[in-house]
Protein backbone atom coordinates (compact mmCIF):
# COMPACT_ATOMS: atom_id res chain seq x y z
CA MET A 1 73.91 83.33 140.75
CA ARG A 2 72.62 79.83 140.19
CA PHE A 3 73.12 76.87 142.49
CA THR A 4 73.52 74.24 139.77
CA HIS A 5 76.06 71.44 140.02
CA HIS A 6 75.62 67.89 138.98
CA PRO A 7 77.49 66.16 141.79
CA ALA A 8 78.72 62.69 141.26
CA LEU A 9 80.39 60.48 144.53
CA ALA A 10 79.66 61.29 148.34
CA ILE A 11 81.63 59.52 151.40
CA SER A 12 78.90 59.35 152.30
CA LEU A 13 81.60 60.80 149.92
CA LEU A 14 80.52 63.05 147.07
CA LEU A 15 82.24 62.73 143.69
CA VAL A 16 81.29 65.90 141.94
CA PRO A 17 81.43 66.27 138.16
CA GLY A 18 81.97 69.77 136.90
CA ALA A 19 84.54 71.99 135.26
CA VAL A 20 87.40 73.62 137.18
CA ALA A 21 89.19 76.85 136.48
CA THR A 22 92.71 75.45 136.43
CA LEU A 23 92.42 71.63 136.73
CA GLN A 24 90.37 69.20 134.68
CA HIS A 25 88.07 66.90 136.63
CA CYS A 26 85.97 64.30 134.93
CA THR A 27 82.21 64.72 134.70
CA ALA A 28 79.53 62.15 133.85
CA GLU A 29 79.52 63.44 130.28
CA ASP A 30 83.27 63.20 129.77
CA PRO A 31 85.11 60.29 128.04
CA CYS A 32 87.33 60.00 131.17
CA TRP A 33 84.33 59.24 133.41
CA PRO A 34 84.85 55.79 135.04
CA ASP A 35 83.14 52.95 133.20
CA ASP A 36 80.53 50.66 134.80
CA ILE A 37 83.15 48.00 135.56
CA SER A 38 85.21 50.50 137.54
CA TRP A 39 82.16 51.63 139.57
CA ALA A 40 81.24 47.94 140.14
CA GLN A 41 84.75 47.26 141.45
CA LEU A 42 84.44 50.14 143.92
CA ASN A 43 81.09 48.83 144.97
CA CYS A 44 82.64 45.41 145.61
CA THR A 45 85.41 46.98 147.67
CA LEU A 46 82.78 48.78 149.75
CA GLN A 47 80.84 45.50 150.14
CA GLY A 48 77.81 46.76 148.24
CA ARG A 49 77.61 50.20 149.87
CA LEU A 50 78.06 52.32 146.76
CA VAL A 51 74.67 53.97 146.45
CA ARG A 52 73.09 55.68 143.42
CA SER A 53 71.98 58.75 145.40
CA LEU A 54 68.94 60.83 144.57
CA PRO A 55 67.18 63.92 146.01
CA SER A 56 64.94 63.14 148.97
CA ALA A 57 61.73 63.68 147.02
CA ALA A 58 62.73 61.32 144.19
CA PRO A 59 60.47 58.40 145.36
CA CYS A 60 57.47 60.69 144.70
CA HIS A 61 58.38 61.23 141.03
CA ILE A 62 58.58 59.10 137.89
CA PRO A 63 60.80 57.19 137.07
CA TYR A 64 61.72 56.68 140.74
CA TYR A 65 58.12 56.60 141.96
CA ASP A 66 57.31 54.24 144.80
CA ALA A 67 53.94 54.84 146.50
CA GLU A 68 54.81 53.36 149.88
CA THR A 69 58.22 55.09 150.10
CA CYS A 70 56.67 58.37 148.96
CA VAL A 71 54.20 58.27 151.88
CA THR A 72 57.08 57.70 154.29
CA VAL A 73 59.12 60.55 152.78
CA LYS A 74 56.21 63.04 153.04
CA ALA A 75 55.50 61.98 156.64
CA ASN A 76 59.13 62.57 157.61
CA TRP A 77 59.95 65.51 155.37
CA GLY A 78 61.12 67.79 158.22
CA ASN A 79 62.68 65.04 160.31
CA ALA A 80 66.33 66.14 160.72
CA GLU A 81 67.50 62.79 162.02
CA ARG A 82 66.06 60.86 159.09
CA ARG A 83 67.53 63.34 156.63
CA SER A 84 70.98 62.80 158.10
CA GLN A 85 70.59 59.08 157.39
CA GLN A 86 69.63 59.38 153.72
CA PRO A 87 72.57 59.69 151.23
CA GLY A 88 70.72 62.17 149.00
CA ALA A 89 68.92 64.18 151.67
CA TYR A 90 70.23 67.40 153.16
CA GLN A 91 68.89 69.47 156.05
CA ASP A 92 68.47 72.57 153.90
CA LEU A 93 67.00 72.05 150.42
CA ILE A 94 69.12 74.73 148.83
CA TRP A 95 72.11 72.40 149.35
CA GLU A 96 70.15 69.45 148.01
CA ASP A 97 68.31 70.90 145.03
CA GLY A 98 70.15 74.07 144.10
CA ASP A 99 68.38 75.48 141.04
CA GLU A 100 67.36 72.04 139.73
CA PRO A 101 64.48 71.24 142.09
CA CYS A 102 62.87 68.00 142.97
CA TYR A 103 59.85 69.21 144.96
CA ILE A 104 57.90 66.98 147.37
CA ASP A 105 54.54 68.56 146.63
CA GLU A 106 54.52 68.47 142.81
CA PRO A 107 52.76 65.81 140.73
CA ALA A 108 54.53 62.46 140.20
CA ASP A 109 54.99 63.12 136.48
CA VAL A 110 56.97 66.32 137.03
CA THR A 111 60.64 65.69 136.40
CA CYS A 112 62.85 65.24 139.42
CA GLN A 113 66.27 66.63 138.68
CA GLN A 114 69.60 65.58 140.29
CA GLY A 115 70.25 69.06 141.68
CA LEU A 116 73.33 69.17 143.96
CA VAL A 117 73.02 65.58 145.07
CA PRO A 118 76.02 63.42 144.24
CA TYR A 119 75.48 60.80 141.57
CA TYR A 120 77.09 58.14 143.76
CA THR A 121 77.47 57.95 147.49
CA ALA A 122 80.04 55.70 149.14
CA VAL A 123 78.43 54.85 152.47
CA VAL A 124 81.60 54.38 154.49
CA GLN A 125 81.84 52.41 157.76
CA SER A 126 85.63 52.37 158.34
CA VAL A 127 88.86 54.19 157.64
CA GLU A 128 89.58 51.61 154.91
CA ASP A 129 86.28 52.52 153.21
CA VAL A 130 87.23 56.16 153.25
CA GLN A 131 90.67 55.36 151.77
CA ALA A 132 89.08 53.29 149.00
CA ALA A 133 86.69 56.09 148.04
CA VAL A 134 89.32 58.84 148.17
CA ASN A 135 91.79 56.76 146.14
CA PHE A 136 89.09 56.05 143.53
CA ALA A 137 88.23 59.73 143.27
CA ARG A 138 91.87 60.80 142.96
CA ASP A 139 92.85 58.14 140.45
CA ASN A 140 89.83 58.96 138.28
CA SER A 141 90.09 62.77 138.53
CA LEU A 142 86.75 63.07 140.37
CA ARG A 143 85.94 65.64 142.96
CA THR A 144 84.80 64.45 146.36
CA ARG A 145 82.56 65.96 149.03
CA ILE A 146 81.71 64.85 152.49
CA LYS A 147 78.16 64.40 153.82
CA GLY A 148 78.63 64.57 157.54
CA ALA A 149 76.86 62.90 160.42
CA SER A 150 74.10 65.48 160.56
CA HIS A 151 73.30 68.96 159.33
CA ASP A 152 76.56 70.54 158.32
CA PHE A 153 75.63 73.15 155.76
CA PHE A 154 78.67 72.52 153.61
CA GLY A 155 78.02 69.08 153.08
CA ILE A 156 80.88 63.94 153.39
CA GLN A 157 78.19 61.09 154.75
CA THR A 158 80.18 59.49 157.52
CA ILE A 159 77.18 58.81 159.73
CA HIS A 160 77.84 55.06 159.91
CA MET A 161 81.26 55.54 161.49
CA LYS A 162 80.54 55.13 165.18
CA GLY A 163 82.44 55.15 168.46
CA ILE A 164 82.83 57.25 171.62
CA ILE A 165 85.88 56.49 173.79
CA PHE A 166 86.65 58.34 177.03
CA GLU A 167 90.19 58.39 178.44
CA ASP A 168 91.27 59.69 181.85
CA SER A 169 94.93 60.02 180.76
CA PHE A 170 95.09 60.96 177.08
CA VAL A 171 98.33 62.08 175.44
CA PRO A 172 98.31 63.08 171.76
CA ALA A 173 100.39 60.79 169.53
CA ALA A 174 104.14 61.53 169.43
CA CYS A 175 103.70 64.40 171.96
CA ASP A 176 105.62 64.78 175.22
CA VAL A 177 102.94 66.62 177.20
CA ALA A 178 100.95 66.06 180.34
CA ALA A 179 98.07 63.62 180.12
CA GLN A 180 94.51 64.95 180.44
CA ARG A 181 90.93 63.74 180.35
CA ALA A 182 89.57 63.45 176.82
CA VAL A 183 87.03 61.82 174.57
CA THR A 184 87.54 60.51 171.02
CA VAL A 185 84.46 60.75 168.83
CA ALA A 186 84.00 59.00 165.48
CA ALA A 187 82.85 61.08 162.54
CA GLY A 188 79.37 59.50 162.53
CA GLU A 189 78.40 60.45 166.06
CA SER A 190 75.99 63.27 166.89
CA PHE A 191 76.26 65.52 169.92
CA SER A 192 73.04 63.99 171.25
CA ASP A 193 74.75 60.67 171.81
CA LEU A 194 77.95 62.31 172.97
CA TYR A 195 76.18 64.40 175.60
CA LYS A 196 74.43 61.34 176.99
CA ALA A 197 77.71 59.46 177.12
CA ALA A 198 79.47 62.43 178.74
CA ASP A 199 76.77 62.67 181.46
CA ALA A 200 77.21 58.96 182.20
CA HIS A 201 80.97 59.46 182.40
CA GLY A 202 80.70 62.50 184.68
CA VAL A 203 82.23 65.05 182.30
CA THR A 204 81.21 67.94 180.06
CA VAL A 205 82.01 68.31 176.37
CA ILE A 206 81.96 71.64 174.53
CA GLY A 207 79.58 71.04 171.65
CA GLY A 208 76.89 72.36 169.29
CA GLY A 209 73.62 73.96 170.41
CA CYS A 210 71.43 71.55 168.39
CA PHE A 211 71.39 68.00 169.73
CA ASN A 212 71.61 66.38 166.29
CA VAL A 213 74.68 68.31 165.10
CA GLY A 214 77.54 65.98 164.10
CA ALA A 215 80.25 65.89 166.77
CA GLY A 216 83.12 64.67 164.64
CA GLY A 217 82.92 66.56 161.36
CA GLY A 218 81.89 70.01 160.14
CA TRP A 219 81.20 71.56 163.59
CA PRO A 220 84.81 71.43 164.83
CA ILE A 221 86.51 72.26 161.54
CA GLY A 222 84.27 75.30 161.12
CA GLY A 223 85.17 76.75 164.53
CA GLY A 224 82.49 75.29 166.76
CA HIS A 225 80.49 77.84 168.74
CA SER A 226 78.59 76.57 171.77
CA PHE A 227 76.31 77.66 174.54
CA LEU A 228 79.30 76.97 176.79
CA SER A 229 81.63 79.22 174.77
CA PRO A 230 81.51 82.17 177.21
CA HIS A 231 82.76 79.87 179.97
CA TYR A 232 85.25 77.79 177.98
CA GLY A 233 85.77 79.15 174.47
CA LEU A 234 85.11 77.67 171.03
CA GLY A 235 85.15 73.97 170.19
CA VAL A 236 88.46 74.35 168.34
CA ASP A 237 90.11 75.49 171.58
CA TYR A 238 89.74 71.95 172.96
CA ILE A 239 90.57 69.75 170.01
CA LEU A 240 93.62 67.65 170.95
CA GLN A 241 93.83 65.44 167.84
CA PHE A 242 92.22 64.47 164.55
CA SER A 243 92.31 61.16 162.73
CA VAL A 244 91.96 61.82 159.05
CA VAL A 245 92.42 60.46 155.56
CA THR A 246 94.19 62.91 153.23
CA ALA A 247 93.81 63.14 149.44
CA ASP A 248 96.78 60.78 148.91
CA GLY A 249 94.72 58.05 150.65
CA GLU A 250 96.96 58.01 153.72
CA ALA A 251 95.42 57.63 157.17
CA ARG A 252 97.02 60.16 159.48
CA VAL A 253 96.87 61.13 163.17
CA VAL A 254 97.11 64.92 163.22
CA ASN A 255 97.94 67.03 166.22
CA GLU A 256 100.42 69.71 167.38
CA CYS A 257 103.28 67.21 167.10
CA GLN A 258 102.36 65.39 163.84
CA ASP A 259 101.47 67.39 160.74
CA PRO A 260 101.01 70.51 162.90
CA ASP A 261 100.25 72.70 159.85
CA LEU A 262 97.29 70.47 158.92
CA PHE A 263 96.18 70.47 162.56
CA TRP A 264 96.23 74.29 162.59
CA ALA A 265 94.25 74.50 159.35
CA MET A 266 91.58 72.01 160.41
CA ARG A 267 90.75 73.93 163.55
CA GLY A 268 88.54 76.49 161.91
CA GLY A 269 89.78 76.35 158.33
CA GLY A 270 86.64 74.60 157.07
CA GLY A 271 86.25 71.54 154.85
CA GLY A 272 88.43 70.24 152.07
CA PHE A 273 91.73 69.62 153.89
CA ALA A 274 91.13 65.96 154.75
CA VAL A 275 88.34 63.49 155.54
CA THR A 276 87.84 63.51 159.30
CA THR A 277 87.31 60.01 160.72
CA SER A 278 87.49 60.99 164.45
CA VAL A 279 88.15 63.96 166.71
CA THR A 280 89.59 63.95 170.21
CA TYR A 281 88.36 66.71 172.58
CA LYS A 282 89.51 67.73 176.01
CA THR A 283 86.68 67.16 178.55
CA HIS A 284 85.69 69.28 181.53
CA PRO A 285 84.12 68.52 184.92
CA ALA A 286 80.38 67.95 184.87
CA ILE A 287 78.20 71.05 185.10
CA GLU A 288 75.75 70.52 187.94
CA ASN A 289 73.29 73.32 187.22
CA THR A 290 72.36 75.26 184.08
CA ALA A 291 69.70 77.97 183.94
CA PHE A 292 67.52 78.10 180.82
CA VAL A 293 65.67 81.38 180.28
CA LEU A 294 62.84 81.94 177.82
CA LEU A 295 62.41 85.69 177.27
CA SER A 296 59.45 87.26 175.53
CA ILE A 297 59.10 90.96 174.59
CA ASN A 298 55.94 92.39 172.99
CA THR A 299 55.50 95.95 171.77
CA THR A 300 52.68 98.13 170.39
CA GLY A 301 52.29 101.58 168.93
CA GLY A 302 55.61 101.91 167.14
CA ALA A 303 57.66 100.98 170.20
CA PHE A 304 59.53 98.09 168.50
CA THR A 305 62.56 99.98 167.24
CA PRO A 306 63.39 101.86 170.48
CA THR A 307 62.79 98.66 172.44
CA LEU A 308 65.10 96.80 170.10
CA SER A 309 67.72 99.46 170.69
CA LYS A 310 67.49 98.85 174.44
CA PHE A 311 67.56 95.11 173.86
CA LEU A 312 70.72 95.33 171.72
CA GLU A 313 72.49 97.38 174.33
CA PHE A 314 71.37 94.75 176.87
CA GLN A 315 73.43 92.12 175.03
CA LEU A 316 76.52 93.53 176.75
CA THR A 317 74.96 92.77 180.12
CA LEU A 318 74.16 89.21 179.06
CA ALA A 319 77.66 88.68 177.73
CA ASP A 320 79.29 89.98 180.92
CA ALA A 321 77.14 87.56 182.91
CA ASN A 322 78.25 84.63 180.68
CA PHE A 323 74.83 84.04 179.19
CA ALA A 324 74.68 82.58 175.67
CA GLY A 325 71.71 81.98 173.37
CA TYR A 326 69.48 82.97 170.53
CA SER A 327 67.23 85.97 170.01
CA TYR A 328 64.54 86.05 167.29
CA LEU A 329 63.39 89.42 166.00
CA PHE A 330 59.87 89.68 164.62
CA PRO A 331 59.35 93.30 163.47
CA PRO A 332 57.26 95.27 164.11
CA ALA A 333 55.95 93.69 167.30
CA SER A 334 57.99 91.14 169.25
CA ILE A 335 61.31 89.61 170.30
CA LEU A 336 61.83 86.06 171.62
CA GLY A 337 64.99 85.02 173.40
CA THR A 338 66.32 81.64 174.57
CA TYR A 339 69.40 81.80 176.82
CA THR A 340 71.47 79.49 178.92
CA LEU A 341 73.76 80.14 181.91
CA ALA A 342 76.04 77.30 182.85
CA HIS A 343 77.27 76.96 186.43
CA SER A 344 74.08 78.66 187.67
CA ASP A 345 73.26 78.77 191.38
CA GLY A 346 69.76 77.43 190.76
CA ASN A 347 68.08 80.60 192.08
CA ILE A 348 65.30 82.13 189.94
CA ALA A 349 65.66 85.55 191.57
CA SER A 350 69.38 85.54 190.90
CA ALA A 351 68.87 84.61 187.23
CA ASN A 352 66.12 87.24 186.81
CA ALA A 353 68.37 89.91 188.32
CA THR A 354 70.44 89.92 185.08
CA PHE A 355 67.27 90.93 183.17
CA GLU A 356 66.37 93.76 185.53
CA PRO A 357 67.32 96.52 183.02
CA LEU A 358 64.71 95.15 180.63
CA PHE A 359 62.06 94.83 183.35
CA GLN A 360 62.70 98.43 184.37
CA TYR A 361 62.42 99.60 180.78
CA ALA A 362 59.08 97.78 180.45
CA GLN A 363 57.78 99.52 183.61
CA GLU A 364 58.77 102.89 182.21
CA HIS A 365 56.88 102.12 178.98
CA ALA A 366 54.08 99.98 180.40
CA ASP A 367 51.54 101.21 177.88
CA GLN A 368 53.59 99.91 174.93
CA VAL A 369 56.03 97.27 176.17
CA SER A 370 55.56 94.01 178.08
CA ILE A 371 58.42 91.69 179.05
CA GLY A 372 58.41 88.29 180.72
CA THR A 373 60.78 85.44 181.54
CA ASN A 374 60.26 81.74 182.14
CA ILE A 375 63.21 80.10 183.91
CA VAL A 376 63.96 76.40 184.44
CA PHE A 377 67.08 74.68 185.77
CA VAL A 378 68.59 71.47 184.43
CA GLU A 379 71.25 69.32 186.08
CA SER A 380 72.61 67.47 183.02
CA GLN A 381 73.98 68.49 179.66
CA SER A 382 71.97 65.87 177.77
CA THR A 383 68.67 67.06 179.34
CA LEU A 384 69.32 70.59 178.19
CA TYR A 385 70.22 69.68 174.64
CA ASP A 386 67.88 66.74 174.14
CA GLN A 387 64.71 67.98 175.84
CA ILE A 388 64.74 71.71 176.57
CA LEU A 389 66.45 73.32 173.60
CA PRO A 390 64.64 71.39 170.79
CA GLN A 391 61.34 72.68 172.10
CA THR A 392 62.37 76.32 171.85
CA ILE A 393 64.91 76.64 169.01
CA PRO A 394 63.21 76.06 165.65
CA GLY A 395 64.76 73.61 163.20
CA LEU A 396 65.15 74.26 159.48
CA ALA A 397 65.10 70.70 158.12
CA GLY A 398 63.42 70.20 154.78
CA VAL A 399 63.03 73.85 153.85
CA PHE A 400 64.74 76.29 151.44
CA SER A 401 66.72 78.74 153.59
CA ILE A 402 70.26 80.08 153.62
CA LEU A 403 71.85 82.15 156.31
CA GLY A 404 73.58 85.47 155.79
CA PRO A 405 75.61 86.02 158.99
CA ARG A 406 77.86 88.71 160.29
CA LEU A 407 79.90 88.74 163.49
CA LEU A 408 79.60 91.99 165.40
CA PRO A 409 81.97 93.10 168.21
CA ARG A 410 81.07 94.72 171.53
CA SER A 411 81.70 98.17 170.06
CA ALA A 412 78.66 97.83 167.80
CA PHE A 413 76.44 97.72 170.88
CA GLU A 414 78.16 100.26 173.13
CA GLY A 415 76.40 103.64 173.53
CA ASP A 416 72.93 104.83 172.65
CA GLU A 417 73.96 106.03 169.20
CA ASN A 418 75.35 102.70 168.09
CA SER A 419 72.50 100.62 169.44
CA GLN A 420 69.84 102.97 167.99
CA GLU A 421 71.51 102.96 164.57
CA LEU A 422 71.72 99.15 164.52
CA ALA A 423 68.14 98.79 165.78
CA GLY A 424 66.86 101.03 163.04
CA PHE A 425 68.71 99.01 160.40
CA LEU A 426 67.45 95.61 161.66
CA SER A 427 63.86 96.65 162.18
CA GLY A 428 63.72 98.26 158.72
CA MET A 429 65.16 95.34 156.80
CA GLY A 430 61.86 93.52 156.21
CA LEU A 431 63.59 90.18 156.95
CA GLY A 432 63.53 87.78 159.85
CA ASN A 433 66.63 88.10 161.99
CA ILE A 434 68.33 85.80 164.48
CA LEU A 435 70.89 87.08 166.95
CA LEU A 436 73.24 84.49 168.35
CA LEU A 437 75.09 85.53 171.51
CA VAL A 438 78.20 83.37 171.88
CA GLY A 439 81.00 85.90 172.40
CA GLY A 440 82.71 87.31 175.44
CA GLY A 441 84.45 85.49 178.26
CA GLU A 442 86.82 82.75 177.18
CA VAL A 443 86.06 83.22 173.46
CA ASN A 444 88.26 86.31 173.58
CA ARG A 445 91.30 84.73 175.19
CA PRO A 446 93.17 82.46 172.70
CA ALA A 447 96.00 83.87 170.63
CA PRO A 448 94.55 84.94 167.25
CA ASP A 449 97.05 82.86 165.28
CA ALA A 450 96.61 79.65 167.33
CA MET A 451 94.28 78.07 164.79
CA GLY A 452 92.76 78.41 161.36
CA VAL A 453 89.65 80.31 162.51
CA ASN A 454 89.64 83.89 161.12
CA PRO A 455 91.70 86.78 163.17
CA GLY A 456 56.20 77.09 149.40
CA ASN A 457 57.93 76.51 146.09
CA THR A 458 59.18 79.86 145.03
CA SER A 459 60.14 80.18 141.38
CA ILE A 460 63.86 80.12 140.66
CA PRO A 461 63.88 83.75 139.35
CA ASP A 462 61.99 84.99 142.43
CA ARG A 463 64.21 82.94 144.72
CA ASN A 464 67.27 84.50 143.12
CA LYS A 465 65.86 87.98 143.74
CA MET A 466 65.43 87.06 147.41
CA ARG A 467 68.98 85.80 147.55
CA GLU A 468 70.25 88.98 145.99
CA ASN A 469 68.28 91.09 148.47
CA LEU A 470 69.59 89.16 151.46
CA THR A 471 73.18 89.28 150.25
CA GLN A 472 72.84 93.06 149.80
CA LYS A 473 71.43 93.44 153.34
CA THR A 474 74.23 91.26 154.73
CA GLN A 475 76.82 93.49 153.08
CA GLU A 476 75.14 96.64 154.41
CA LEU A 477 75.47 95.25 157.96
CA ALA A 478 79.22 95.63 157.58
CA GLN A 479 78.85 99.31 158.25
CA PHE A 480 78.37 98.51 161.93
CA ALA A 481 81.58 96.45 162.20
CA PRO A 482 83.92 97.11 159.28
CA GLY A 483 86.26 94.21 158.56
CA MET A 484 84.32 91.65 160.57
CA GLY A 485 83.30 88.36 158.94
CA ALA A 486 80.97 85.41 159.20
CA TYR A 487 80.67 81.99 160.80
CA ILE A 488 81.55 79.52 158.03
CA ASN A 489 79.30 76.69 159.26
CA GLU A 490 76.23 78.87 158.79
CA ALA A 491 77.17 81.18 155.96
CA ASP A 492 76.04 82.68 152.68
CA VAL A 493 77.90 80.47 150.26
CA VAL A 494 77.57 82.68 147.27
CA ARG A 495 79.73 85.32 148.93
CA ASN A 496 82.31 85.27 151.70
CA ASP A 497 84.12 87.68 154.02
CA PHE A 498 85.93 86.01 156.87
CA ILE A 499 85.89 86.55 160.59
CA SER A 500 88.16 86.64 163.55
CA PHE A 501 86.38 85.06 166.47
CA THR A 502 88.44 87.21 168.80
CA HIS A 503 86.44 89.86 170.66
CA PHE A 504 83.18 89.34 168.83
CA LEU A 505 79.93 89.52 170.78
CA LEU A 506 77.12 88.53 168.55
CA ILE A 507 76.41 86.75 165.30
CA ILE A 508 73.47 88.17 163.39
CA PHE A 509 71.79 85.91 160.87
CA PHE A 510 69.37 86.96 158.17
CA ILE A 511 67.14 84.00 157.29
CA LEU A 512 65.92 83.78 153.73
CA HIS A 513 67.07 82.51 150.37
CA LEU A 514 70.37 84.12 149.69
CA GLN A 515 72.94 84.67 147.04
CA ASN A 516 76.57 84.45 147.92
CA GLU A 517 79.43 85.94 149.86
CA PRO A 518 81.26 88.03 147.26
CA GLU A 519 84.66 88.23 149.00
CA TRP A 520 84.42 84.88 150.72
CA GLN A 521 88.15 84.37 151.26
CA LYS A 522 88.31 87.53 153.35
CA THR A 523 85.01 87.04 155.18
CA PHE A 524 85.68 83.49 156.32
CA TRP A 525 89.43 83.53 156.91
CA GLY A 526 90.81 87.08 156.66
CA ASP A 527 94.59 87.19 156.77
CA ASN A 528 94.74 83.43 157.39
CA TYR A 529 93.57 82.61 153.85
CA GLU A 530 96.98 82.62 152.12
CA ARG A 531 98.44 80.25 154.72
CA LEU A 532 95.39 78.00 154.56
CA LEU A 533 95.60 77.82 150.79
CA GLU A 534 99.28 76.77 150.99
CA ILE A 535 98.32 73.96 153.38
CA LYS A 536 95.40 72.90 151.17
CA SER A 537 97.74 72.75 148.13
CA LYS A 538 100.28 70.72 150.12
CA TYR A 539 97.91 68.00 151.25
CA ASP A 540 95.53 68.05 148.28
CA PRO A 541 97.47 69.32 145.27
CA THR A 542 94.88 68.27 142.70
CA GLY A 543 91.74 69.34 144.51
CA VAL A 544 90.22 65.96 145.23
CA LEU A 545 88.36 67.15 148.32
CA THR A 546 86.09 70.09 147.58
CA CYS A 547 83.12 72.07 148.84
CA GLY A 548 81.51 75.34 147.88
CA LYS A 549 83.52 78.38 149.04
CA CYS A 550 85.96 76.32 151.03
CA VAL A 551 89.67 77.01 150.98
CA GLY A 552 90.91 76.29 147.45
CA ASP A 553 87.57 76.78 145.71
CA ASP A 554 89.08 79.69 143.78
CA VAL A 555 91.84 77.34 142.53
CA PHE A 556 90.32 73.90 142.20
CA GLY A 557 86.61 74.78 141.90
CA SER A 558 83.79 73.04 143.75
C-alpha cells in the first residue's frame, strides 16, 4: 500500500484533492479546481491567513530553499510544540510525507514533494473562519481535513483558537439537568495549558498522557484514554457538550439534548463528523497526591521470555490497584515501565507493596533477573504531565513511525498458559513493543452503547515491507483476544478492526512503519459502524470532511 495523496486545503483546514469511489471531488489538476481569484477571495475573508502549506523540510530544498530558515528547521526537527504550530508539519512524518518524501538530511537540489501536506491551509482563529473555510470547500467540491492543536495522528489546524473557561454551575444548552462544575476548552488548547489552569482553579481534568496533546480535538473524539482512566473512565465519559461547525457551514452546540445523534457519534466515533471548535468537560476535585513509579527489569541467560510472562500476569495486579502507565519491551534483555497511581497515600513502602510479586520473582531468579523501582510523589496534575512524564515517556516527533495497536482484555493475561503464550509471541516478534495499561476500574462501567466508541531514510520499497510485516504481526495478535480492536487515535491506518473499550485491560502497540488495518470498520467501531455511517451521511452527505480510515472513508474516500 502506498501513502500518496496530494492534499489541497487544511483548517488549519485541509482541502484534499483526489478521486473518490462514489463522489467526484475536485483536484488541482481538474477543470473544476477553484481559480486564483476564488482562492484570493477566501484569503481576503480569512484576513490573509490562507497559507500555501509545504512539508516541514521544504525550506532546505530548492525552489523553497532559505538558508536561515533551514538551520532553524534542522535545530527544531524533533520539537513537537513547534511542529504543531507549522501548517505543513506533522508529528509523525508518515502523515506528512507519505510515499512522496521531503527529507531533511538530503541535498538542497533533491526534489521536495508535496506528500500528504495540504496545498492550502486556512489558519483559522474563530468560528467564522471555520465556517468560511468549510463553505468554500463544500461549494467547490473540495475535501477538507483538520490539523488539530497538537499531535493527533489523523490530522484540522485549529491551534490558534484559544480559550479555557471554568464554570461552577454549568448546564448544557437546552437541557433540564442539574448544574455541575465544568470547563470549556477551545480547539487550539493543549492539555499542558489546561492542566496548569485546572491546578490554579482547584480541579482535575481527565486528559491525555502527553502534555502537548490537543485538549479540544482528536483526543476526545477518538475516545480519550488517560492515566486517570482507572479512577474515572475515558475522556468521552465526561464530555458534556461540543461546539462544532458541520459540513453545511452551520455552527452548532451539540449535546444530549441538541443533535444527540451527532453528540453520540463524536464521543469516540473519530474525525469527519464536524469541525470541533470547543469541548466542555466535567471537572473533578483536585488530586492531592499522585505516585509516579519508574520500573526497570533486566534479564540475562535466556530469562527474558519467562520474566515477560510473569510481568504480563502482573498487569492484573497493577490494574486492580488502579495503576496506569506504559511498559516498553526490549527483547531479549530488558523491560522499562512508567506508572502512575492517582490518590496515592504518599508512602513509598505502600506503593512498592504492589510490586512485591515482581520483587519476589527476582529473588527466586537472582542469577538472571534484577528488578528495581524509583518512586516520586507529585501534588499537582501539571507537575506530573509537564515535568515528570516528558522525561520518561519518549516522544515520536519528526520520525517515521506508525502504531499497530490491539486492545487485550483481562482474559488474555489470566493463568500461566495465557501469559506464557503471549510472552512467547511478543518476545519472538523482533519488533519493539509498548504496552499501555489504561483499563480496569471505571473504564469498564459505562453502558456499551452510550457513545460512539467501539462495544534514517529507509527506501520506500523497504519501508513498505516493514509496514507489511508489522500489519501481519498486528493481525496475529488477534489470536489472544478474538474480536477485539484498536485505539483509533494511535492506529494502523492502512487496516482497521474496531474495539470496544469495555473490559479491556491493555493496549499493545507495535512501533515501526506499518501498512494498514484491513478491516478497519470492524476494528475501530465494531457493531457501531453502521449507525456511525448513517450519522456521517446525515450531517455530511457529500463527504466534505474527510480523514484516512475515518467513518465514511469507504463511501466518500479520503
